[in-house]
């Protein structure tokens, strides 16, 4: 009986770990990547999205303002409206920004 309880507990721990790993966004395999630059307009922790006015990305997307998912939710804590960011985007994935970094302020 004790072994069954332990086995059930281990199975539950593995299931939780697997669901966390699956929920993390991973870049699409074999897709071409593009450098993304833009200005943060809005950060929405509830929907786990960020609205960005991005620069033109030849071969991927024209300049526009759009809401994006983020590959790592923790980045939402560091972003604020007005931040200039860089990220990576991939062909065929127009929803997610990967590897977001806040760009240093431009020198005057």
C-alpha atoms as a PDB file:
ATOM      1  CA  UNK A   1       0.000   0.000   0.000  1.00  0.00           C
ATOM      2  CA  UNK A   2       2.793   2.435   0.912  1.00  0.00           C
ATOM      3  CA  UNK A   3       4.582   1.686  -2.359  1.00  0.00           C
ATOM      4  CA  UNK A   4       1.423   2.502  -4.303  1.00  0.00           C
ATOM      5  CA  UNK A   5       1.066   5.850  -2.516  1.00  0.00           C
ATOM      6  CA  UNK A   6       4.715   6.673  -3.219  1.00  0.00           C
ATOM      7  CA  UNK A   7       4.367   5.610  -6.863  1.00  0.00           C
ATOM      8  CA  UNK A   8       1.217   7.717  -7.242  1.00  0.00           C
ATOM      9  CA  UNK A   9       2.982  10.708  -5.665  1.00  0.00           C
ATOM     10  CA  UNK A  10       5.949  10.327  -8.012  1.00  0.00           C
ATOM     11  CA  UNK A  11       3.629  10.077 -11.003  1.00  0.00           C
ATOM     12  CA  UNK A  12       1.880  13.284  -9.972  1.00  0.00           C
ATOM     13  CA  UNK A  13       5.189  15.125  -9.569  1.00  0.00           C
ATOM     14  CA  UNK A  14       6.289  13.949 -13.025  1.00  0.00           C
ATOM     15  CA  UNK A  15       2.977  15.029 -14.562  1.00  0.00           C
ATOM     16  CA  UNK A  16       3.276  18.526 -13.077  1.00  0.00           C
ATOM     17  CA  UNK A  17       6.882  18.863 -14.250  1.00  0.00           C
ATOM     18  CA  UNK A  18       5.932  17.732 -17.740  1.00  0.00           C
ATOM     19  CA  UNK A  19       3.033  20.185 -17.966  1.00  0.00           C
ATOM     20  CA  UNK A  20       5.322  23.056 -16.922  1.00  0.00           C
ATOM     21  CA  UNK A  21       7.892  22.047 -19.539  1.00  0.00           C
ATOM     22  CA  UNK A  22       5.255  21.783 -22.271  1.00  0.00           C
ATOM     23  CA  UNK A  23       3.735  25.161 -21.383  1.00  0.00           C
ATOM     24  CA  UNK A  24       7.041  26.973 -21.988  1.00  0.00           C
ATOM     25  CA  UNK A  25       7.211  28.313 -25.535  1.00  0.00           C
ATOM     26  CA  UNK A  26       9.958  26.799 -27.629  1.00  0.00           C
ATOM     27  CA  UNK A  27      11.084  28.179 -30.985  1.00  0.00           C
ATOM     28  CA  UNK A  28       9.651  26.403 -34.031  1.00  0.00           C
ATOM     29  CA  UNK A  29      12.145  23.788 -35.207  1.00  0.00           C
ATOM     30  CA  UNK A  30      13.682  24.368 -38.618  1.00  0.00           C
ATOM     31  CA  UNK A  31      12.122  27.799 -39.120  1.00  0.00           C
ATOM     32  CA  UNK A  32      14.123  30.850 -40.202  1.00  0.00           C
ATOM     33  CA  UNK A  33      14.657  33.390 -37.425  1.00  0.00           C
ATOM     34  CA  UNK A  34      14.443  37.180 -37.736  1.00  0.00           C
ATOM     35  CA  UNK A  35      15.716  39.996 -35.520  1.00  0.00           C
ATOM     36  CA  UNK A  36      12.792  41.918 -33.984  1.00  0.00           C
ATOM     37  CA  UNK A  37      12.998  45.493 -32.654  1.00  0.00           C
ATOM     38  CA  UNK A  38      10.219  47.603 -31.258  1.00  0.00           C
ATOM     39  CA  UNK A  39       8.772  49.853 -28.579  1.00  0.00           C
ATOM     40  CA  UNK A  40       6.592  48.412 -25.804  1.00  0.00           C
ATOM     41  CA  UNK A  41       3.160  50.052 -25.787  1.00  0.00           C
ATOM     42  CA  UNK A  42       1.443  47.895 -23.139  1.00  0.00           C
ATOM     43  CA  UNK A  43       2.226  45.007 -20.788  1.00  0.00           C
ATOM     44  CA  UNK A  44      -0.712  42.808 -19.736  1.00  0.00           C
ATOM     45  CA  UNK A  45       0.235  40.259 -17.049  1.00  0.00           C
ATOM     46  CA  UNK A  46      -3.335  38.875 -16.951  1.00  0.00           C
ATOM     47  CA  UNK A  47      -3.262  37.736 -20.583  1.00  0.00           C
ATOM     48  CA  UNK A  48       0.527  37.228 -20.471  1.00  0.00           C
ATOM     49  CA  UNK A  49       0.939  39.418 -23.542  1.00  0.00           C
ATOM     50  CA  UNK A  50       2.865  42.507 -24.553  1.00  0.00           C
ATOM     51  CA  UNK A  51       1.793  45.055 -27.159  1.00  0.00           C
ATOM     52  CA  UNK A  52       4.697  46.299 -29.270  1.00  0.00           C
ATOM     53  CA  UNK A  53       5.072  48.813 -32.084  1.00  0.00           C
ATOM     54  CA  UNK A  54       7.664  46.916 -34.123  1.00  0.00           C
ATOM     55  CA  UNK A  55      10.007  48.110 -36.831  1.00  0.00           C
ATOM     56  CA  UNK A  56       9.747  46.682 -40.348  1.00  0.00           C
ATOM     57  CA  UNK A  57      11.187  43.166 -40.563  1.00  0.00           C
ATOM     58  CA  UNK A  58      11.924  42.399 -44.229  1.00  0.00           C
ATOM     59  CA  UNK A  59      10.579  39.002 -45.215  1.00  0.00           C
ATOM     60  CA  UNK A  60       8.510  38.645 -42.053  1.00  0.00           C
ATOM     61  CA  UNK A  61       6.254  41.600 -41.157  1.00  0.00           C
ATOM     62  CA  UNK A  62       5.749  45.264 -41.934  1.00  0.00           C
ATOM     63  CA  UNK A  63       5.944  47.857 -39.165  1.00  0.00           C
ATOM     64  CA  UNK A  64       2.807  47.689 -37.003  1.00  0.00           C
ATOM     65  CA  UNK A  65       1.522  47.632 -33.442  1.00  0.00           C
ATOM     66  CA  UNK A  66       0.422  44.189 -32.291  1.00  0.00           C
ATOM     67  CA  UNK A  67      -0.050  42.097 -29.123  1.00  0.00           C
ATOM     68  CA  UNK A  68       2.328  39.158 -28.759  1.00  0.00           C
ATOM     69  CA  UNK A  69       2.731  36.180 -26.441  1.00  0.00           C
ATOM     70  CA  UNK A  70       6.123  35.907 -24.756  1.00  0.00           C
ATOM     71  CA  UNK A  71       8.234  32.764 -24.556  1.00  0.00           C
ATOM     72  CA  UNK A  72       9.025  33.357 -20.870  1.00  0.00           C
ATOM     73  CA  UNK A  73       6.394  34.901 -18.607  1.00  0.00           C
ATOM     74  CA  UNK A  74       9.031  36.236 -16.192  1.00  0.00           C
ATOM     75  CA  UNK A  75      10.043  38.862 -18.761  1.00  0.00           C
ATOM     76  CA  UNK A  76       6.665  40.583 -18.258  1.00  0.00           C
ATOM     77  CA  UNK A  77       7.850  41.709 -14.801  1.00  0.00           C
ATOM     78  CA  UNK A  78      10.785  43.586 -16.341  1.00  0.00           C
ATOM     79  CA  UNK A  79       8.977  45.275 -19.238  1.00  0.00           C
ATOM     80  CA  UNK A  80       7.185  48.614 -19.100  1.00  0.00           C
ATOM     81  CA  UNK A  81       5.587  50.892 -21.689  1.00  0.00           C
ATOM     82  CA  UNK A  82       8.208  52.940 -23.515  1.00  0.00           C
ATOM     83  CA  UNK A  83      10.930  50.267 -23.335  1.00  0.00           C
ATOM     84  CA  UNK A  84      12.787  49.586 -26.571  1.00  0.00           C
ATOM     85  CA  UNK A  85      13.183  45.828 -26.967  1.00  0.00           C
ATOM     86  CA  UNK A  86      14.858  43.281 -29.166  1.00  0.00           C
ATOM     87  CA  UNK A  87      13.622  39.732 -29.641  1.00  0.00           C
ATOM     88  CA  UNK A  88      13.672  36.843 -32.066  1.00  0.00           C
ATOM     89  CA  UNK A  89      10.718  35.846 -34.271  1.00  0.00           C
ATOM     90  CA  UNK A  90      10.335  32.876 -36.599  1.00  0.00           C
ATOM     91  CA  UNK A  91       8.765  32.284 -40.012  1.00  0.00           C
ATOM     92  CA  UNK A  92       5.166  31.153 -39.638  1.00  0.00           C
ATOM     93  CA  UNK A  93       4.880  32.256 -35.992  1.00  0.00           C
ATOM     94  CA  UNK A  94       3.284  35.694 -35.852  1.00  0.00           C
ATOM     95  CA  UNK A  95       2.167  35.345 -32.225  1.00  0.00           C
ATOM     96  CA  UNK A  96       5.228  34.859 -30.031  1.00  0.00           C
ATOM     97  CA  UNK A  97       8.343  36.876 -29.204  1.00  0.00           C
ATOM     98  CA  UNK A  98      11.348  34.804 -28.142  1.00  0.00           C
ATOM     99  CA  UNK A  99      14.376  35.846 -26.094  1.00  0.00           C
ATOM    100  CA  UNK A 100      13.112  39.370 -25.336  1.00  0.00           C
ATOM    101  CA  UNK A 101      15.710  41.828 -24.101  1.00  0.00           C
ATOM    102  CA  UNK A 102      15.330  45.478 -23.135  1.00  0.00           C
ATOM    103  CA  UNK A 103      17.622  47.532 -25.349  1.00  0.00           C
ATOM    104  CA  UNK A 104      19.877  50.085 -23.645  1.00  0.00           C
ATOM    105  CA  UNK A 105      18.705  53.693 -24.028  1.00  0.00           C
ATOM    106  CA  UNK A 106      20.041  55.458 -27.120  1.00  0.00           C
ATOM    107  CA  UNK A 107      22.928  57.828 -26.469  1.00  0.00           C
ATOM    108  CA  UNK A 108      22.141  61.484 -27.077  1.00  0.00           C
END
